Amino acid sequence: MGVWSQSKYKADYCQIAFDVLSAGKSKAHVCCKIGITRPTLYEWVAQHEEFADAVNMGLQHAQAHWEDIGEQGVKGDLEKFSATPWIFTMKNRFRDDYKEDKQEKTVSETIVEKLIDRLVE
C-alpha cells in the first residue's frame, strides 16, 4: 500500500481522533496521524456516528485546551505568553464562540470577558 492509499475505517480511529484533538491539535493533524485525507475524515464523520461523536468531543476539548492556555497566560502563569497570537488562534479556530462582533465589542474585550467569566465560575 502506498502512502496515498485510502485507509479503511476502524473503530480504533475514534480514540485517535479524540486524543489528537484533545491535545489542541487540528483535524489536519488527525488526518496525518491516521493516514487519511481531509475529505475522508469528513466522509467518516458523515457515515460513522461514533467517529462524529469522537471528533466533536475532541474539538470541544481542543477549545478547552486553548482556553486553558489563555487563562494561564492572562494570570501570568506562562512565560513568554503573547495575547495577540492567542487571540488570532481563538478567533480563527473557534469562530462560533470567538467571532468578532464589530458593532458591540472588540475581539480582545470579548475574549477577556469570557476568561473572566470562566475564572469566576
PDB file of N, CA and C in Angstrom:
ATOM      1  N   MET A   1       0.840  -1.191   0.000  1.00  0.00           N
ATOM      2  CA  MET A   1       0.000   0.000   0.000  1.00  0.00           C
ATOM      3  C   MET A   1       0.877   1.244   0.000  1.00  0.00           C
ATOM      4  N   GLY A   2       0.616   2.147  -0.908  1.00  0.00           N
ATOM      5  CA  GLY A   2       1.367   3.391  -0.962  1.00  0.00           C
ATOM      6  C   GLY A   2       0.890   4.366   0.092  1.00  0.00           C
ATOM      7  N   VAL A   3       1.658   5.420   0.276  1.00  0.00           N
ATOM      8  CA  VAL A   3       1.336   6.437   1.274  1.00  0.00           C
ATOM      9  C   VAL A   3       0.004   7.123   0.967  1.00  0.00           C
ATOM     10  N   TRP A   4      -0.413   7.117  -0.296  1.00  0.00           N
ATOM     11  CA  TRP A   4      -1.644   7.819  -0.677  1.00  0.00           C
ATOM     12  C   TRP A   4      -2.852   6.895  -0.719  1.00  0.00           C
ATOM     13  N   SER A   5      -2.663   5.644  -0.320  1.00  0.00           N
ATOM     14  CA  SER A   5      -3.780   4.710  -0.320  1.00  0.00           C
ATOM     15  C   SER A   5      -4.814   5.106   0.721  1.00  0.00           C
ATOM     16  N   GLN A   6      -6.059   4.854   0.408  1.00  0.00           N
ATOM     17  CA  GLN A   6      -7.166   5.188   1.298  1.00  0.00           C
ATOM     18  C   GLN A   6      -7.226   4.172   2.439  1.00  0.00           C
ATOM     19  N   SER A   7      -7.214   4.644   3.665  1.00  0.00           N
ATOM     20  CA  SER A   7      -7.352   3.759   4.818  1.00  0.00           C
ATOM     21  C   SER A   7      -8.800   3.349   4.954  1.00  0.00           C
ATOM     22  N   LYS A   8      -9.009   2.155   5.435  1.00  0.00           N
ATOM     23  CA  LYS A   8     -10.353   1.683   5.749  1.00  0.00           C
ATOM     24  C   LYS A   8     -10.693   2.141   7.156  1.00  0.00           C
ATOM     25  N   TYR A   9     -11.947   2.504   7.356  1.00  0.00           N
ATOM     26  CA  TYR A   9     -12.389   2.966   8.663  1.00  0.00           C
ATOM     27  C   TYR A   9     -12.268   1.844   9.683  1.00  0.00           C
ATOM     28  N   LYS A  10     -11.771   2.193  10.868  1.00  0.00           N
ATOM     29  CA  LYS A  10     -11.697   1.275  12.013  1.00  0.00           C
ATOM     30  C   LYS A  10     -12.200   2.027  13.237  1.00  0.00           C
ATOM     31  N   ALA A  11     -12.920   1.333  14.089  1.00  0.00           N
ATOM     32  CA  ALA A  11     -13.459   1.960  15.302  1.00  0.00           C
ATOM     33  C   ALA A  11     -12.343   2.539  16.173  1.00  0.00           C
ATOM     34  N   ASP A  12     -11.133   1.975  16.098  1.00  0.00           N
ATOM     35  CA  ASP A  12      -9.994   2.473  16.879  1.00  0.00           C
ATOM     36  C   ASP A  12      -9.648   3.926  16.532  1.00  0.00           C
ATOM     37  N   TYR A  13     -10.042   4.370  15.349  1.00  0.00           N
ATOM     38  CA  TYR A  13      -9.744   5.732  14.931  1.00  0.00           C
ATOM     39  C   TYR A  13     -10.487   6.773  15.766  1.00  0.00           C
ATOM     40  N   CYS A  14     -11.577   6.356  16.402  1.00  0.00           N
ATOM     41  CA  CYS A  14     -12.321   7.285  17.269  1.00  0.00           C
ATOM     42  C   CYS A  14     -11.420   7.785  18.394  1.00  0.00           C
ATOM     43  N   GLN A  15     -10.724   6.877  19.054  1.00  0.00           N
ATOM     44  CA  GLN A  15      -9.860   7.254  20.166  1.00  0.00           C
ATOM     45  C   GLN A  15      -8.686   8.094  19.686  1.00  0.00           C
ATOM     46  N   ILE A  16      -8.138   7.752  18.535  1.00  0.00           N
ATOM     47  CA  ILE A  16      -7.026   8.535  17.982  1.00  0.00           C
ATOM     48  C   ILE A  16      -7.486   9.965  17.701  1.00  0.00           C
ATOM     49  N   ALA A  17      -8.639  10.104  17.048  1.00  0.00           N
ATOM     50  CA  ALA A  17      -9.155  11.442  16.728  1.00  0.00           C
ATOM     51  C   ALA A  17      -9.392  12.238  18.004  1.00  0.00           C
ATOM     52  N   PHE A  18     -10.021  11.607  18.985  1.00  0.00           N
ATOM     53  CA  PHE A  18     -10.296  12.293  20.248  1.00  0.00           C
ATOM     54  C   PHE A  18      -8.997  12.723  20.930  1.00  0.00           C
ATOM     55  N   ASP A  19      -8.031  11.826  21.009  1.00  0.00           N
ATOM     56  CA  ASP A  19      -6.766  12.124  21.691  1.00  0.00           C
ATOM     57  C   ASP A  19      -6.009  13.260  21.010  1.00  0.00           C
ATOM     58  N   VAL A  20      -5.932  13.215  19.697  1.00  0.00           N
ATOM     59  CA  VAL A  20      -5.200  14.247  18.945  1.00  0.00           C
ATOM     60  C   VAL A  20      -5.879  15.610  19.127  1.00  0.00           C
ATOM     61  N   LEU A  21      -7.184  15.648  18.948  1.00  0.00           N
ATOM     62  CA  LEU A  21      -7.905  16.910  19.074  1.00  0.00           C
ATOM     63  C   LEU A  21      -7.875  17.428  20.506  1.00  0.00           C
ATOM     64  N   SER A  22      -7.995  16.547  21.473  1.00  0.00           N
ATOM     65  CA  SER A  22      -7.979  16.953  22.882  1.00  0.00           C
ATOM     66  C   SER A  22      -6.669  17.614  23.281  1.00  0.00           C
ATOM     67  N   ALA A  23      -5.609  17.280  22.576  1.00  0.00           N
ATOM     68  CA  ALA A  23      -4.310  17.888  22.841  1.00  0.00           C
ATOM     69  C   ALA A  23      -4.193  19.270  22.201  1.00  0.00           C
ATOM     70  N   GLY A  24      -5.292  19.747  21.578  1.00  0.00           N
ATOM     71  CA  GLY A  24      -5.290  21.072  20.970  1.00  0.00           C
ATOM     72  C   GLY A  24      -4.898  21.080  19.511  1.00  0.00           C
ATOM     73  N   LYS A  25      -4.701  19.904  18.947  1.00  0.00           N
ATOM     74  CA  LYS A  25      -4.293  19.804  17.540  1.00  0.00           C
ATOM     75  C   LYS A  25      -5.499  19.962  16.620  1.00  0.00           C
ATOM     76  N   SER A  26      -5.244  19.976  15.321  1.00  0.00           N
ATOM     77  CA  SER A  26      -6.271  20.231  14.314  1.00  0.00           C
ATOM     78  C   SER A  26      -6.784  18.950  13.671  1.00  0.00           C
ATOM     79  N   LYS A  27      -7.827  19.112  12.853  1.00  0.00           N
ATOM     80  CA  LYS A  27      -8.337  17.991  12.068  1.00  0.00           C
ATOM     81  C   LYS A  27      -7.266  17.503  11.095  1.00  0.00           C
ATOM     82  N   ALA A  28      -6.465  18.421  10.567  1.00  0.00           N
ATOM     83  CA  ALA A  28      -5.379  18.032   9.665  1.00  0.00           C
ATOM     84  C   ALA A  28      -4.401  17.101  10.380  1.00  0.00           C
ATOM     85  N   HIS A  29      -4.147  17.379  11.654  1.00  0.00           N
ATOM     86  CA  HIS A  29      -3.252  16.528  12.431  1.00  0.00           C
ATOM     87  C   HIS A  29      -3.862  15.137  12.613  1.00  0.00           C
ATOM     88  N   VAL A  30      -5.179  15.084  12.830  1.00  0.00           N
ATOM     89  CA  VAL A  30      -5.869  13.791  12.929  1.00  0.00           C
ATOM     90  C   VAL A  30      -5.676  13.016  11.635  1.00  0.00           C
ATOM     91  N   CYS A  31      -5.871  13.690  10.508  1.00  0.00           N
ATOM     92  CA  CYS A  31      -5.710  13.038   9.210  1.00  0.00           C
ATOM     93  C   CYS A  31      -4.305  12.470   9.043  1.00  0.00           C
ATOM     94  N   CYS A  32      -3.307  13.248   9.420  1.00  0.00           N
ATOM     95  CA  CYS A  32      -1.920  12.793   9.302  1.00  0.00           C
ATOM     96  C   CYS A  32      -1.661  11.587  10.204  1.00  0.00           C
ATOM     97  N   LYS A  33      -2.189  11.628  11.405  1.00  0.00           N
ATOM     98  CA  LYS A  33      -1.985  10.547  12.377  1.00  0.00           C
ATOM     99  C   LYS A  33      -2.610   9.242  11.882  1.00  0.00           C
ATOM    100  N   ILE A  34      -3.797   9.335  11.276  1.00  0.00           N
ATOM    101  CA  ILE A  34      -4.494   8.142  10.796  1.00  0.00           C
ATOM    102  C   ILE A  34      -4.016   7.741   9.401  1.00  0.00           C
ATOM    103  N   GLY A  35      -3.560   8.702   8.620  1.00  0.00           N
ATOM    104  CA  GLY A  35      -3.110   8.422   7.254  1.00  0.00           C
ATOM    105  C   GLY A  35      -4.225   8.535   6.236  1.00  0.00           C
ATOM    106  N   ILE A  36      -5.070   9.557   6.422  1.00  0.00           N
ATOM    107  CA  ILE A  36      -6.187   9.793   5.504  1.00  0.00           C
ATOM    108  C   ILE A  36      -6.171  11.243   5.036  1.00  0.00           C
ATOM    109  N   THR A  37      -7.013  11.523   4.066  1.00  0.00           N
ATOM    110  CA  THR A  37      -7.166  12.897   3.596  1.00  0.00           C
ATOM    111  C   THR A  37      -8.322  13.547   4.351  1.00  0.00           C
ATOM    112  N   ARG A  38      -8.376  14.867   4.282  1.00  0.00           N
ATOM    113  CA  ARG A  38      -9.470  15.589   4.948  1.00  0.00           C
ATOM    114  C   ARG A  38     -10.837  15.189   4.383  1.00  0.00           C
ATOM    115  N   PRO A  39     -11.002  15.030   3.058  1.00  0.00           N
ATOM    116  CA  PRO A  39     -12.307  14.574   2.574  1.00  0.00           C
ATOM    117  C   PRO A  39     -12.728  13.222   3.169  1.00  0.00           C
ATOM    118  N   THR A  40     -11.764  12.332   3.386  1.00  0.00           N
ATOM    119  CA  THR A  40     -12.078  11.046   4.013  1.00  0.00           C
ATOM    120  C   THR A  40     -12.535  11.260   5.445  1.00  0.00           C
ATOM    121  N   LEU A  41     -11.878  12.158   6.169  1.00  0.00           N
ATOM    122  CA  LEU A  41     -12.300  12.466   7.536  1.00  0.00           C
ATOM    123  C   LEU A  41     -13.756  12.915   7.546  1.00  0.00           C
ATOM    124  N   TYR A  42     -14.101  13.832   6.658  1.00  0.00           N
ATOM    125  CA  TYR A  42     -15.475  14.334   6.602  1.00  0.00           C
ATOM    126  C   TYR A  42     -16.458  13.229   6.196  1.00  0.00           C
ATOM    127  N   GLU A  43     -16.030  12.363   5.303  1.00  0.00           N
ATOM    128  CA  GLU A  43     -16.872  11.232   4.892  1.00  0.00           C
ATOM    129  C   GLU A  43     -17.143  10.311   6.081  1.00  0.00           C
ATOM    130  N   TRP A  44     -16.092  10.020   6.858  1.00  0.00           N
ATOM    131  CA  TRP A  44     -16.260   9.153   8.028  1.00  0.00           C
ATOM    132  C   TRP A  44     -17.146   9.811   9.081  1.00  0.00           C
ATOM    133  N   VAL A  45     -17.012  11.116   9.256  1.00  0.00           N
ATOM    134  CA  VAL A  45     -17.862  11.831  10.208  1.00  0.00           C
ATOM    135  C   VAL A  45     -19.328  11.689   9.788  1.00  0.00           C
ATOM    136  N   ALA A  46     -19.584  11.776   8.494  1.00  0.00           N
ATOM    137  CA  ALA A  46     -20.955  11.670   7.987  1.00  0.00           C
ATOM    138  C   ALA A  46     -21.491  10.234   8.070  1.00  0.00           C
ATOM    139  N   GLN A  47     -20.608   9.251   7.937  1.00  0.00           N
ATOM    140  CA  GLN A  47     -21.053   7.861   7.853  1.00  0.00           C
ATOM    141  C   GLN A  47     -21.021   7.103   9.183  1.00  0.00           C
ATOM    142  N   HIS A  48     -20.202   7.547  10.128  1.00  0.00           N
ATOM    143  CA  HIS A  48     -19.999   6.784  11.359  1.00  0.00           C
ATOM    144  C   HIS A  48     -20.287   7.677  12.560  1.00  0.00           C
ATOM    145  N   GLU A  49     -21.420   7.456  13.197  1.00  0.00           N
ATOM    146  CA  GLU A  49     -21.848   8.308  14.307  1.00  0.00           C
ATOM    147  C   GLU A  49     -20.821   8.338  15.438  1.00  0.00           C
ATOM    148  N   GLU A  50     -20.218   7.192  15.736  1.00  0.00           N
ATOM    149  CA  GLU A  50     -19.236   7.155  16.824  1.00  0.00           C
ATOM    150  C   GLU A  50     -17.993   7.973  16.494  1.00  0.00           C
ATOM    151  N   PHE A  51     -17.613   8.006  15.229  1.00  0.00           N
ATOM    152  CA  PHE A  51     -16.466   8.807  14.813  1.00  0.00           C
ATOM    153  C   PHE A  51     -16.826  10.295  14.871  1.00  0.00           C
ATOM    154  N   ALA A  52     -18.031  10.631  14.425  1.00  0.00           N
ATOM    155  CA  ALA A  52     -18.501  12.022  14.502  1.00  0.00           C
ATOM    156  C   ALA A  52     -18.515  12.493  15.955  1.00  0.00           C
ATOM    157  N   ASP A  53     -18.994  11.645  16.853  1.00  0.00           N
ATOM    158  CA  ASP A  53     -19.014  11.998  18.271  1.00  0.00           C
ATOM    159  C   ASP A  53     -17.603  12.207  18.814  1.00  0.00           C
ATOM    160  N   ALA A  54     -16.688  11.335  18.431  1.00  0.00           N
ATOM    161  CA  ALA A  54     -15.300  11.457  18.897  1.00  0.00           C
ATOM    162  C   ALA A  54     -14.662  12.752  18.388  1.00  0.00           C
ATOM    163  N   VAL A  55     -14.897  13.080  17.126  1.00  0.00           N
ATOM    164  CA  VAL A  55     -14.346  14.312  16.555  1.00  0.00           C
ATOM    165  C   VAL A  55     -14.959  15.529  17.235  1.00  0.00           C
ATOM    166  N   ASN A  56     -16.276  15.534  17.388  1.00  0.00           N
ATOM    167  CA  ASN A  56     -16.936  16.680  18.015  1.00  0.00           C
ATOM    168  C   ASN A  56     -16.522  16.853  19.472  1.00  0.00           C
ATOM    169  N   MET A  57     -16.422  15.769  20.207  1.00  0.00           N
ATOM    170  CA  MET A  57     -15.977  15.861  21.598  1.00  0.00           C
ATOM    171  C   MET A  57     -14.513  16.306  21.652  1.00  0.00           C
ATOM    172  N   GLY A  58     -13.709  15.787  20.749  1.00  0.00           N
ATOM    173  CA  GLY A  58     -12.306  16.194  20.681  1.00  0.00           C
ATOM    174  C   GLY A  58     -12.156  17.674  20.376  1.00  0.00           C
ATOM    175  N   LEU A  59     -13.009  18.201  19.485  1.00  0.00           N
ATOM    176  CA  LEU A  59     -12.963  19.630  19.166  1.00  0.00           C
ATOM    177  C   LEU A  59     -13.349  20.482  20.369  1.00  0.00           C
ATOM    178  N   GLN A  60     -14.309  20.014  21.145  1.00  0.00           N
ATOM    179  CA  GLN A  60     -14.664  20.736  22.374  1.00  0.00           C
ATOM    180  C   GLN A  60     -13.488  20.741  23.348  1.00  0.00           C
ATOM    181  N   HIS A  61     -12.818  19.611  23.463  1.00  0.00           N
ATOM    182  CA  HIS A  61     -11.653  19.532  24.351  1.00  0.00           C
ATOM    183  C   HIS A  61     -10.501  20.384  23.819  1.00  0.00           C
ATOM    184  N   ALA A  62     -10.377  20.467  22.492  1.00  0.00           N
ATOM    185  CA  ALA A  62      -9.335  21.322  21.902  1.00  0.00           C
ATOM    186  C   ALA A  62      -9.576  22.773  22.288  1.00  0.00           C
ATOM    187  N   GLN A  63     -10.826  23.202  22.203  1.00  0.00           N
ATOM    188  CA  GLN A  63     -11.145  24.574  22.587  1.00  0.00           C
ATOM    189  C   GLN A  63     -10.853  24.791  24.067  1.00  0.00           C
ATOM    190  N   ALA A  64     -11.239  23.841  24.903  1.00  0.00           N
ATOM    191  CA  ALA A  64     -10.956  23.954  26.340  1.00  0.00           C
ATOM    192  C   ALA A  64      -9.450  24.022  26.584  1.00  0.00           C
ATOM    193  N   HIS A  65      -8.691  23.237  25.842  1.00  0.00           N
ATOM    194  CA  HIS A  65      -7.225  23.237  25.951  1.00  0.00           C
ATOM    195  C   HIS A  65      -6.672  24.638  25.665  1.00  0.00           C
ATOM    196  N   TRP A  66      -7.133  25.238  24.557  1.00  0.00           N
ATOM    197  CA  TRP A  66      -6.659  26.571  24.185  1.00  0.00           C
ATOM    198  C   TRP A  66      -7.165  27.641  25.146  1.00  0.00           C
ATOM    199  N   GLU A  67      -8.360  27.467  25.679  1.00  0.00           N
ATOM    200  CA  GLU A  67      -8.863  28.414  26.680  1.00  0.00           C
ATOM    201  C   GLU A  67      -8.031  28.330  27.959  1.00  0.00           C
ATOM    202  N   ASP A  68      -7.605  27.127  28.331  1.00  0.00           N
ATOM    203  CA  ASP A  68      -6.731  26.977  29.497  1.00  0.00           C
ATOM    204  C   ASP A  68      -5.418  27.720  29.285  1.00  0.00           C
ATOM    205  N   ILE A  69      -4.880  27.623  28.076  1.00  0.00           N
ATOM    206  CA  ILE A  69      -3.644  28.349  27.765  1.00  0.00           C
ATOM    207  C   ILE A  69      -3.874  29.851  27.937  1.00  0.00           C
ATOM    208  N   GLY A  70      -4.977  30.358  27.409  1.00  0.00           N
ATOM    209  CA  GLY A  70      -5.286  31.780  27.552  1.00  0.00           C
ATOM    210  C   GLY A  70      -5.447  32.184  29.004  1.00  0.00           C
ATOM    211  N   GLU A  71      -6.135  31.357  29.766  1.00  0.00           N
ATOM    212  CA  GLU A  71      -6.333  31.650  31.190  1.00  0.00           C
ATOM    213  C   GLU A  71      -4.996  31.704  31.924  1.00  0.00           C
ATOM    214  N   GLN A  72      -4.131  30.733  31.654  1.00  0.00           N
ATOM    215  CA  GLN A  72      -2.813  30.718  32.288  1.00  0.00           C
ATOM    216  C   GLN A  72      -1.997  31.941  31.868  1.00  0.00           C
ATOM    217  N   GLY A  73      -2.114  32.311  30.601  1.00  0.00           N
ATOM    218  CA  GLY A  73      -1.380  33.477  30.104  1.00  0.00           C
ATOM    219  C   GLY A  73      -1.854  34.763  30.741  1.00  0.00           C
ATOM    220  N   VAL A  74      -3.173  34.936  30.846  1.00  0.00           N
ATOM    221  CA  VAL A  74      -3.738  36.141  31.461  1.00  0.00           C
ATOM    222  C   VAL A  74      -3.331  36.233  32.929  1.00  0.00           C
ATOM    223  N   LYS A  75      -3.259  35.109  33.607  1.00  0.00           N
ATOM    224  CA  LYS A  75      -2.879  35.089  35.026  1.00  0.00           C
ATOM    225  C   LYS A  75      -1.377  35.256  35.226  1.00  0.00           C
ATOM    226  N   GLY A  76      -0.613  35.230  34.153  1.00  0.00           N
ATOM    227  CA  GLY A  76       0.835  35.386  34.255  1.00  0.00           C
ATOM    228  C   GLY A  76       1.569  34.090  34.549  1.00  0.00           C
ATOM    229  N   ASP A  77       0.883  32.959  34.400  1.00  0.00           N
ATOM    230  CA  ASP A  77       1.494  31.663  34.700  1.00  0.00           C
ATOM    231  C   ASP A  77       2.350  31.113  33.558  1.00  0.00           C
ATOM    232  N   LEU A  78       2.224  31.692  32.370  1.00  0.00           N
ATOM    233  CA  LEU A  78       3.003  31.216  31.227  1.00  0.00           C
ATOM    234  C   LEU A  78       4.052  32.250  30.840  1.00  0.00           C
ATOM    235  N   GLU A  79       5.289  31.819  30.870  1.00  0.00           N
ATOM    236  CA  GLU A  79       6.370  32.699  30.450  1.00  0.00           C
ATOM    237  C   GLU A  79       6.289  32.873  28.932  1.00  0.00           C
ATOM    238  N   LYS A  80       6.514  34.055  28.469  1.00  0.00           N
ATOM    239  CA  LYS A  80       6.515  34.402  27.050  1.00  0.00           C
ATOM    240  C   LYS A  80       5.137  34.259  26.400  1.00  0.00           C
ATOM    241  N   PHE A  81       4.062  34.323  27.181  1.00  0.00           N
ATOM    242  CA  PHE A  81       2.716  34.295  26.604  1.00  0.00           C
ATOM    243  C   PHE A  81       2.474  35.596  25.858  1.00  0.00           C
ATOM    244  N   SER A  82       1.914  35.481  24.674  1.00  0.00           N
ATOM    245  CA  SER A  82       1.581  36.662  23.895  1.00  0.00           C
ATOM    246  C   SER A  82       0.102  36.581  23.529  1.00  0.00           C
ATOM    247  N   ALA A  83      -0.641  37.561  23.957  1.00  0.00           N
ATOM    248  CA  ALA A  83      -2.089  37.552  23.742  1.00  0.00           C
ATOM    249  C   ALA A  83      -2.462  37.646  22.269  1.00  0.00           C
ATOM    250  N   THR A  84      -1.712  38.370  21.484  1.00  0.00           N
ATOM    251  CA  THR A  84      -2.087  38.591  20.087  1.00  0.00           C
ATOM    252  C   THR A  84      -2.179  37.288  19.292  1.00  0.00           C
ATOM    253  N   PRO A  85      -1.158  36.437  19.284  1.00  0.00           N
ATOM    254  CA  PRO A  85      -1.311  35.176  18.534  1.00  0.00           C
ATOM    255  C   PRO A  85      -2.369  34.261  19.149  1.00  0.00           C
ATOM    256  N   TRP A  86      -2.518  34.330  20.464  1.00  0.00           N
ATOM    257  CA  TRP A  86      -3.542  33.506  21.115  1.00  0.00           C
ATOM    258  C   TRP A  86      -4.932  33.959  20.662  1.00  0.00           C
ATOM    259  N   ILE A  87      -5.174  35.260  20.650  1.00  0.00           N
ATOM    260  CA  ILE A  87      -6.460  35.791  20.200  1.00  0.00           C
ATOM    261  C   ILE A  87      -6.709  35.404  18.739  1.00  0.00           C
ATOM    262  N   PHE A  88      -5.681  35.526  17.912  1.00  0.00           N
ATOM    263  CA  PHE A  88      -5.797  35.149  16.496  1.00  0.00           C
ATOM    264  C   PHE A  88      -6.197  33.682  16.372  1.00  0.00           C
ATOM    265  N   THR A  89      -5.558  32.830  17.157  1.00  0.00           N
ATOM    266  CA  THR A  89      -5.871  31.395  17.149  1.00  0.00           C
ATOM    267  C   THR A  89      -7.322  31.154  17.541  1.00  0.00           C
ATOM    268  N   MET A  90      -7.748  31.759  18.625  1.00  0.00           N
ATOM    269  CA  MET A  90      -9.114  31.550  19.119  1.00  0.00           C
ATOM    270  C   MET A  90     -10.142  32.051  18.109  1.00  0.00           C
ATOM    271  N   LYS A  91      -9.886  33.211  17.574  1.00  0.00           N
ATOM    272  CA  LYS A  91     -10.816  33.841  16.643  1.00  0.00           C
ATOM    273  C   LYS A  91     -10.979  33.010  15.371  1.00  0.00           C
ATOM    274  N   ASN A  92      -9.910  32.367  14.939  1.00  0.00           N
ATOM    275  CA  ASN A  92      -9.952  31.612  13.697  1.00  0.00           C
ATOM    276  C   ASN A  92     -10.290  30.133  13.881  1.00  0.00           C
ATOM    277  N   ARG A  93      -9.877  29.536  14.977  1.00  0.00           N
ATOM    278  CA  ARG A  93     -10.166  28.114  15.184  1.00  0.00           C
ATOM    279  C   ARG A  93     -11.530  27.870  15.803  1.00  0.00           C
ATOM    280  N   PHE A  94     -12.000  28.818  16.613  1.00  0.00           N
ATOM    281  CA  PHE A  94     -13.234  28.617  17.364  1.00  0.00           C
ATOM    282  C   PHE A  94     -14.186  29.773  17.095  1.00  0.00           C
ATOM    283  N   ARG A  95     -14.524  29.939  15.838  1.00  0.00           N
ATOM    284  CA  ARG A  95     -15.303  31.086  15.375  1.00  0.00           C
ATOM    285  C   ARG A  95     -16.664  31.208  16.040  1.00  0.00           C
ATOM    286  N   ASP A  96     -17.304  30.077  16.325  1.00  0.00           N
ATOM    287  CA  ASP A  96     -18.645  30.142  16.921  1.00  0.00           C
ATOM    288  C   ASP A  96     -18.644  30.902  18.239  1.00  0.00           C
ATOM    289  N   ASP A  97     -17.600  30.748  19.005  1.00  0.00           N
ATOM    290  CA  ASP A  97     -17.536  31.396  20.319  1.00  0.00           C
ATOM    291  C   ASP A  97     -16.672  32.649  20.351  1.00  0.00           C
ATOM    292  N   TYR A  98     -15.810  32.831  19.359  1.00  0.00           N
ATOM    293  CA  TYR A  98     -14.858  33.938  19.418  1.00  0.00           C
ATOM    294  C   TYR A  98     -14.880  34.828  18.185  1.00  0.00           C
ATOM    295  N   LYS A  99     -15.976  34.811  17.448  1.00  0.00           N
ATOM    296  CA  LYS A  99     -16.025  35.666  16.257  1.00  0.00           C
ATOM    297  C   LYS A  99     -16.100  37.127  16.680  1.00  0.00           C
ATOM    298  N   GLU A 100     -15.595  37.957  15.823  1.00  0.00           N
ATOM    299  CA  GLU A 100     -15.570  39.384  16.099  1.00  0.00           C
ATOM    300  C   GLU A 100     -16.941  39.994  15.857  1.00  0.00           C
ATOM    301  N   ASP A 101     -17.408  40.759  16.808  1.00  0.00           N
ATOM    302  CA  ASP A 101     -18.675  41.484  16.680  1.00  0.00           C
ATOM    303  C   ASP A 101     -18.328  42.966  16.698  1.00  0.00           C
ATOM    304  N   LYS A 102     -18.124  43.532  15.527  1.00  0.00           N
ATOM    305  CA  LYS A 102     -17.646  44.913  15.413  1.00  0.00           C
ATOM    306  C   LYS A 102     -18.646  45.934  15.934  1.00  0.00           C
ATOM    307  N   GLN A 103     -19.908  45.556  15.989  1.00  0.00           N
ATOM    308  CA  GLN A 103     -20.917  46.509  16.431  1.00  0.00           C
ATOM    309  C   GLN A 103     -20.885  46.729  17.940  1.00  0.00           C
ATOM    310  N   GLU A 104     -20.445  45.748  18.691  1.00  0.00           N
ATOM    311  CA  GLU A 104     -20.518  45.875  20.144  1.00  0.00           C
ATOM    312  C   GLU A 104     -19.151  46.000  20.811  1.00  0.00           C
ATOM    313  N   LYS A 105     -18.296  45.028  20.615  1.00  0.00           N
ATOM    314  CA  LYS A 105     -17.024  44.993  21.331  1.00  0.00           C
ATOM    315  C   LYS A 105     -15.905  44.539  20.406  1.00  0.00           C
ATOM    316  N   THR A 106     -14.695  44.807  20.826  1.00  0.00           N
ATOM    317  CA  THR A 106     -13.556  44.281  20.092  1.00  0.00           C
ATOM    318  C   THR A 106     -13.375  42.819  20.486  1.00  0.00           C
ATOM    319  N   VAL A 107     -12.627  42.081  19.678  1.00  0.00           N
ATOM    320  CA  VAL A 107     -12.359  40.684  19.975  1.00  0.00           C
ATOM    321  C   VAL A 107     -11.653  40.559  21.321  1.00  0.00           C
ATOM    322  N   SER A 108     -10.689  41.418  21.572  1.00  0.00           N
ATOM    323  CA  SER A 108      -9.941  41.364  22.829  1.00  0.00           C
ATOM    324  C   SER A 108     -10.864  41.529  24.024  1.00  0.00           C
ATOM    325  N   GLU A 109     -11.783  42.482  23.949  1.00  0.00           N
ATOM    326  CA  GLU A 109     -12.725  42.697  25.051  1.00  0.00           C
ATOM    327  C   GLU A 109     -13.604  41.471  25.271  1.00  0.00           C
ATOM    328  N   THR A 110     -14.076  40.878  24.183  1.00  0.00           N
ATOM    329  CA  THR A 110     -14.929  39.698  24.283  1.00  0.00           C
ATOM    330  C   THR A 110     -14.176  38.529  24.897  1.00  0.00           C
ATOM    331  N   ILE A 111     -12.950  38.296  24.454  1.00  0.00           N
ATOM    332  CA  ILE A 111     -12.158  37.177  24.959  1.00  0.00           C
ATOM    333  C   ILE A 111     -11.822  37.388  26.427  1.00  0.00           C
ATOM    334  N   VAL A 112     -11.419  38.578  26.795  1.00  0.00           N
ATOM    335  CA  VAL A 112     -11.101  38.858  28.192  1.00  0.00           C
ATOM    336  C   VAL A 112     -12.335  38.627  29.064  1.00  0.00           C
ATOM    337  N   GLU A 113     -13.504  39.070  28.597  1.00  0.00           N
ATOM    338  CA  GLU A 113     -14.736  38.849  29.354  1.00  0.00           C
ATOM    339  C   GLU A 113     -15.019  37.363  29.517  1.00  0.00           C
ATOM    340  N   LYS A 114     -14.820  36.574  28.468  1.00  0.00           N
ATOM    341  CA  LYS A 114     -15.037  35.128  28.552  1.00  0.00           C
ATOM    342  C   LYS A 114     -14.089  34.500  29.573  1.00  0.00           C
ATOM    343  N   LEU A 115     -12.840  34.930  29.560  1.00  0.00           N
ATOM    344  CA  LEU A 115     -11.878  34.388  30.516  1.00  0.00           C
ATOM    345  C   LEU A 115     -12.232  34.782  31.940  1.00  0.00           C
ATOM    346  N   ILE A 116     -12.648  36.014  32.135  1.00  0.00           N
ATOM    347  CA  ILE A 116     -13.042  36.463  33.465  1.00  0.00           C
ATOM    348  C   ILE A 116     -14.260  35.672  33.943  1.00  0.00           C
ATOM    349  N   ASP A 117     -15.239  35.486  33.056  1.00  0.00           N
ATOM    350  CA  ASP A 117     -16.413  34.689  33.408  1.00  0.00           C
ATOM    351  C   ASP A 117     -16.016  33.280  33.801  1.00  0.00           C
ATOM    352  N   ARG A 118     -15.061  32.714  33.077  1.00  0.00           N
ATOM    353  CA  ARG A 118     -14.605  31.346  33.341  1.00  0.00           C
ATOM    354  C   ARG A 118     -13.901  31.270  34.695  1.00  0.00           C
ATOM    355  N   LEU A 119     -13.132  32.288  35.015  1.00  0.00           N
ATOM    356  CA  LEU A 119     -12.421  32.301  36.303  1.00  0.00           C
ATOM    357  C   LEU A 119     -13.403  32.427  37.467  1.00  0.00           C
ATOM    358  N   VAL A 120     -14.492  33.140  37.259  1.00  0.00           N
ATOM    359  CA  VAL A 120     -15.467  33.380  38.309  1.00  0.00           C
ATOM    360  C   VAL A 120     -16.311  32.135  38.567  1.00  0.00           C
ATOM    361  N   GLU A 121     -16.531  31.315  37.525  1.00  0.00           N
ATOM    362  CA  GLU A 121     -17.384  30.122  37.657  1.00  0.00           C
ATOM    363  C   GLU A 121     -16.893  29.164  38.669  1.00  0.00           C
TER     364      GLU A 121
END
